[in-house]
Amino acid sequence: MSLYSNTDAPASKPKLPEERQVRKTVQLTTANTTNVGASSITLSYNDGAQSNVANVGVAVGQFVYFAAGLAGNGVPNFFSSNNTVSAISGNTVTLASVTFNTTGPGTVIEFDTTINRKKAPANTYFQDTVLITASRTANANNTLANTGNLNAGWNRVVRKVNSDGTVRLLKETLVCLANARATLLSSANTSFGNIARGL
């Protein structure tokens, strides 16, 4: 079974292939100290000419992950992070969000690219995988995600619109948990995207 946790943090979701959002492009190390609140980092790399990190695969829009929890709340090579590359100039990369800790030289930085799929299951599958607890089942909201009749643990709940316009919620238990812990115990809106738009 894929790795997962018993909390509803985004990175705790089961790491099923259908949920994978990004793939690793390149890992590089910082060339010097980057102070907290910085919006750019200087990297050490070897492309032969040492002229531009774009030569080794870094591109604007890629997701950025820092070692030691410095930034990027996603999962490298799996879930998208909360920071991206906004500009490149030589061996310096400008970030969309500032760093929230000081990094020393030699810190590993990973750059990931979005996985492009024909039907993009990751765009909905990740949102549809929700953590169900006893309290969330008891407080189910029928208009968004009626979580009744589901096992405690990680479930996939998909909103399907039939040809006649009626709506069904398709439910599937992915991982049963004896001690699932949710941050909003009374919330039945357990999905990032309030259950996907349909199948």
Protein backbone atom coordinates (compact mmCIF):
# COMPACT_ATOMS: atom_id res chain seq x y z
CA MET A 1 0.00 0.00 0.00
CA SER A 2 1.14 3.52 -0.69
CA LEU A 3 2.38 5.70 2.17
CA TYR A 4 -0.26 7.71 4.04
CA SER A 5 -0.94 9.27 7.44
CA ASN A 6 -3.93 9.44 9.80
CA THR A 7 -4.25 13.26 9.61
CA ASP A 8 -5.84 15.37 6.91
CA ALA A 9 -2.81 17.44 5.99
CA PRO A 10 -2.46 17.54 2.17
CA ALA A 11 0.87 15.70 2.21
CA SER A 12 -0.64 12.96 4.41
CA LYS A 13 -2.94 11.67 1.68
CA PRO A 14 -2.27 8.19 0.28
CA LYS A 15 0.40 8.44 -2.39
CA LEU A 16 -1.43 6.56 -5.11
CA PRO A 17 -0.17 6.83 -8.71
CA GLU A 18 -3.42 8.51 -9.76
CA GLU A 19 -2.76 11.32 -7.29
CA ARG A 20 0.74 12.13 -8.44
CA GLN A 21 0.88 15.73 -9.65
CA VAL A 22 4.56 16.39 -10.41
CA ARG A 23 7.81 14.65 -11.39
CA LYS A 24 11.38 15.60 -10.53
CA THR A 25 13.28 17.59 -13.15
CA VAL A 26 16.53 18.29 -11.33
CA GLN A 27 18.10 18.63 -7.88
CA LEU A 28 20.69 21.35 -7.32
CA THR A 29 22.49 22.79 -4.29
CA THR A 30 22.71 26.37 -3.07
CA ALA A 31 25.98 28.16 -3.81
CA ASN A 32 25.93 30.42 -0.75
CA THR A 33 23.85 31.43 2.26
CA THR A 34 20.29 32.53 1.54
CA ASN A 35 18.73 34.61 4.30
CA VAL A 36 15.18 34.27 5.58
CA GLY A 37 12.75 36.34 3.49
CA ALA A 38 14.86 36.14 0.33
CA SER A 39 13.06 35.95 -2.99
CA SER A 40 15.95 34.47 -4.96
CA ILE A 41 18.55 31.74 -4.54
CA THR A 42 21.92 31.25 -6.19
CA LEU A 43 22.64 27.68 -7.24
CA SER A 44 25.74 25.60 -7.78
CA TYR A 45 25.63 23.32 -10.83
CA ASN A 46 27.58 22.15 -13.85
CA ASP A 47 26.23 22.50 -17.36
CA GLY A 48 29.66 22.68 -18.96
CA ALA A 49 29.63 26.45 -19.33
CA GLN A 50 28.17 27.31 -15.91
CA SER A 51 26.08 30.01 -17.52
CA ASN A 52 22.41 29.31 -16.90
CA VAL A 53 20.45 26.88 -14.72
CA ALA A 54 17.94 26.62 -17.58
CA ASN A 55 20.58 24.51 -19.34
CA VAL A 56 20.15 21.78 -16.72
CA GLY A 57 16.35 21.80 -16.74
CA VAL A 58 15.15 24.59 -14.43
CA ALA A 59 12.21 26.51 -15.94
CA VAL A 60 9.76 29.23 -14.96
CA GLY A 61 6.64 27.76 -13.36
CA GLN A 62 8.32 24.68 -11.91
CA PHE A 63 7.55 23.77 -8.31
CA VAL A 64 10.36 24.29 -5.77
CA TYR A 65 11.13 22.12 -2.73
CA PHE A 66 13.69 22.92 -0.05
CA ALA A 67 15.46 20.50 2.25
CA ALA A 68 14.96 20.75 6.01
CA GLY A 69 11.43 22.15 5.67
CA LEU A 70 12.52 25.60 4.55
CA ALA A 71 9.71 26.12 2.04
CA GLY A 72 7.41 24.23 -0.26
CA ASN A 73 4.73 22.30 1.62
CA GLY A 74 4.20 19.65 -1.05
CA VAL A 75 5.87 16.28 -1.47
CA PRO A 76 8.88 16.30 -3.84
CA ASN A 77 8.31 14.20 -6.94
CA PHE A 78 4.66 13.69 -6.00
CA PHE A 79 2.47 16.61 -4.78
CA SER A 80 2.87 20.21 -5.96
CA SER A 81 4.45 22.66 -3.49
CA ASN A 82 3.44 26.17 -2.48
CA ASN A 83 6.40 27.82 -4.20
CA THR A 84 7.39 28.10 -7.86
CA VAL A 85 10.09 29.59 -10.07
CA SER A 86 9.08 33.04 -11.31
CA ALA A 87 12.30 34.02 -13.16
CA ILE A 88 15.78 32.74 -14.07
CA SER A 89 18.94 34.77 -14.60
CA GLY A 90 22.16 32.81 -15.01
CA ASN A 91 22.59 30.68 -11.90
CA THR A 92 20.08 32.71 -9.86
CA VAL A 93 16.45 31.63 -9.54
CA THR A 94 13.74 34.06 -8.41
CA LEU A 95 10.92 32.50 -6.39
CA ALA A 96 7.22 33.34 -6.38
CA SER A 97 7.24 33.25 -2.54
CA VAL A 98 10.03 34.24 -0.16
CA THR A 99 12.00 31.72 1.89
CA PHE A 100 10.98 31.40 5.54
CA ASN A 101 14.31 30.26 6.96
CA THR A 102 18.00 30.83 6.36
CA THR A 103 19.76 28.20 4.25
CA GLY A 104 23.44 27.52 4.14
CA PRO A 105 25.55 26.64 1.11
CA GLY A 106 25.03 23.11 -0.14
CA THR A 107 21.29 22.98 0.70
CA VAL A 108 19.48 20.66 -1.71
CA ILE A 109 16.77 22.31 -3.83
CA GLU A 110 14.48 20.21 -6.03
CA PHE A 111 12.62 21.49 -9.08
CA ASP A 112 9.58 19.51 -10.24
CA THR A 113 7.47 19.74 -13.38
CA THR A 114 3.72 19.24 -13.58
CA ILE A 115 2.69 15.88 -15.02
CA ASN A 116 0.52 16.46 -18.08
CA ARG A 117 -2.09 13.74 -18.54
CA LYS A 118 -4.72 13.40 -21.24
CA LYS A 119 -7.60 13.35 -18.76
CA ALA A 120 -5.63 14.86 -15.85
CA PRO A 121 -6.78 12.47 -13.06
CA ALA A 122 -4.44 14.16 -10.60
CA ASN A 123 -6.41 17.39 -10.95
CA THR A 124 -9.47 15.74 -9.43
CA TYR A 125 -8.25 12.55 -7.74
CA PHE A 126 -6.16 14.52 -5.23
CA GLN A 127 -9.13 16.72 -4.35
CA ASP A 128 -11.50 13.76 -4.16
CA THR A 129 -9.40 11.79 -1.65
CA VAL A 130 -10.73 12.84 1.75
CA LEU A 131 -10.24 11.81 5.36
CA ILE A 132 -13.46 10.58 6.99
CA THR A 133 -13.82 10.51 10.77
CA ALA A 134 -16.79 9.56 12.97
CA SER A 135 -17.56 13.23 13.67
CA ARG A 136 -17.38 14.15 10.00
CA THR A 137 -19.79 11.34 9.15
CA ALA A 138 -22.21 12.53 11.83
CA ASN A 139 -22.08 16.09 10.49
CA ALA A 140 -22.29 15.17 6.81
CA ASN A 141 -23.34 17.95 4.47
CA ASN A 142 -25.56 16.37 1.81
CA THR A 143 -25.10 19.20 -0.69
CA LEU A 144 -21.32 18.90 -0.86
CA ALA A 145 -20.15 15.54 0.33
CA ASN A 146 -22.52 13.21 2.11
CA THR A 147 -19.93 11.13 3.90
CA GLY A 148 -22.44 8.80 5.51
CA ASN A 149 -22.01 5.03 5.03
CA LEU A 150 -18.23 5.33 4.68
CA ASN A 151 -15.48 3.75 6.73
CA ALA A 152 -13.25 5.92 8.89
CA GLY A 153 -10.05 6.61 6.97
CA TRP A 154 -9.09 7.79 3.50
CA ASN A 155 -11.97 7.65 1.02
CA ARG A 156 -12.53 8.83 -2.52
CA VAL A 157 -15.78 10.72 -3.01
CA VAL A 158 -16.62 11.76 -6.57
CA ARG A 159 -19.56 13.89 -7.64
CA LYS A 160 -21.08 12.44 -10.81
CA VAL A 161 -23.69 14.21 -12.93
CA ASN A 162 -25.89 11.73 -14.80
CA SER A 163 -27.26 12.33 -18.30
CA ASP A 164 -30.65 13.27 -16.83
CA GLY A 165 -29.06 15.94 -14.63
CA THR A 166 -29.31 14.04 -11.34
CA VAL A 167 -26.24 14.01 -9.13
CA ARG A 168 -24.70 10.96 -7.46
CA LEU A 169 -21.78 10.78 -5.06
CA LEU A 170 -19.62 7.73 -5.81
CA LYS A 171 -17.76 6.57 -2.69
CA GLU A 172 -14.80 4.23 -2.35
CA THR A 173 -12.73 3.42 0.74
CA LEU A 174 -9.01 3.51 -0.03
CA VAL A 175 -7.51 3.05 3.47
CA CYS A 176 -9.36 2.20 6.71
CA LEU A 177 -7.98 3.88 9.86
CA ALA A 178 -8.78 3.20 13.51
CA ASN A 179 -7.56 6.61 14.73
CA ALA A 180 -8.15 9.13 11.93
CA ARG A 181 -7.66 12.74 13.11
CA ALA A 182 -9.17 15.70 11.27
CA THR A 183 -8.39 19.38 11.83
CA LEU A 184 -12.05 20.44 11.50
CA LEU A 185 -13.94 17.71 13.33
CA SER A 186 -17.42 19.02 12.55
CA SER A 187 -16.74 19.72 8.89
CA ALA A 188 -18.09 17.35 6.28
CA ASN A 189 -16.51 19.43 3.55
CA THR A 190 -13.48 17.19 3.59
CA SER A 191 -12.24 17.96 0.09
CA PHE A 192 -9.84 20.66 -1.06
CA GLY A 193 -12.07 21.28 -4.07
CA ASN A 194 -15.47 20.53 -2.48
CA ILE A 195 -15.59 17.26 -4.44
CA ALA A 196 -14.58 17.26 -8.08
CA ARG A 197 -16.73 18.47 -10.92
CA GLY A 198 -17.61 15.01 -12.17
CA LEU A 199 -16.22 11.95 -13.93
